[in-house]
Amino acid sequence: DFSFLSILGLHVTMSSLKLQKRLAASVMRCGKKKVWLDPNEINEISNTNARQSVRKLIKDGLIIKKPVAVHSRARVRKNTEARRKGRHCGFGKRKGTANARMPQKVLWVNRMRVLRRLLKKYREAKKN
């Protein structure tokens, strides 16, 4: 097996760190994708096979939990600004009925509240 690989000019020095990565993910309570193993310390990491030793490596900084990738909202903010200016809101962009988008009932209730407030103001004015 190794002789065949050496004929091809490949050197098998990488030891599999699948177990260590899985244990580290479990210990740090994150996914395997978020585990970083120091490539310079592969020999030391490959010797570990227990959670306790993985914890020690984490403390020493040989195993690190990668930061959460940033999900940028820049595009969303830009679009929202444009919508405030009235862009992207034409007839072609509308999916629901006019009533689904802004119910007649809500419009009616708001109108009634305004009128009732106005009436109350007039009543107060007559009393004084």
Foldseek 3Di string as FASTA:
>chain_A
DQVVCVVVVDDPPQDDLVQLLVLLCVLVVHDSVQKDAAPVCRVVSVPDRDNVVSVVCVVVPRIDGHDDDDDDCVVVVVVVVVVVVPPCPDPVNDDDDPCVVPNPVVVVVVVVVVVVVVVVVVVVVVVD
